[in-house]
Amino acid sequence: MDFWGIEHALLLPASGYSRQRGIDDTKRVNDALATYRDRNPSRFVAAAGVVSPKEGDLGVDETRRCIVDLGMKAMVWHHRFDGSVINHIGMHPILEEMARHEVPAMVHIICDSKLESPWRLEDLAGQHPGVTFIALDAFCSPDHSSWMQLIARRNRNIIFDTGQLTSAGHNLPEFIEAIGADRLIFGTNFYSSEPRVFDVPYPLQEVLALDIPDDQKASILGGRSRELFKISAS
């Protein structure tokens, strides 16, 4: 982060954690992330919790604990690691709880995963119009990138992340012209554990190189995220 001039980050939990003890393992991950965040709050200005849609009422309770007790600014899912689909029936009570607290739902839609196909996110977003969804890895392939404008037009409550940005055919300039910079947020896929697969924040270089006004770049690179996650400027 220092090398690339990135001052602040929102922390996301790793999604492939062991679930042998069910909700206890989920709580362990969320507690660890909150502790990690609190060690350096000037750098890690926010964090997102995780919960499985398979955990029923326990998952709803853990969602509430993450938001109210741990101060998580969002909840996040990588459904293929959970072995569930994005629009799993267990997502509905969790999202209803999130709507009461007005926190965003961050959902991976990595390419080539049928569990995380974008149409499933559209289905979920349509059923929960009061929730803001953030589509993580939205531009992870040229095919995905072509879908995003269509999805954005149909779903005003979906924001799109640059984390897993394909090296060609991502169509960011076209997306911004058609949909607007306010529907994009900057993601890096930086990992804090080995192996560090994403050591270079290519999306940062892409955004900085865009031929758009500076205020739009500032919005993508942090301003819009501060609004979404209710983080005060510092």
Foldseek 3Di string as FASTA:
>chain_A
DVVVPQQADEAEFDLQDDCPVPVVSQVVRLVVVLVVCVVCCRHHVAYAGEFDLVNAPSRLVVLCCSCPVSVHLEHEDAVVSVVAALLPVSVVSNVVSCLVVQHAYEYEQAPPDPSRPVVSVLVVCVVCVSHAYEYECQQQDLVSLVCVLVSCVVHVRYAYECANHDPPNNCPVVSCVRRNLLSAAYHHQADPDPPGPGPDRVVLVVLVPDPDDPVSSVNRHPVSVCVNSVGDDD
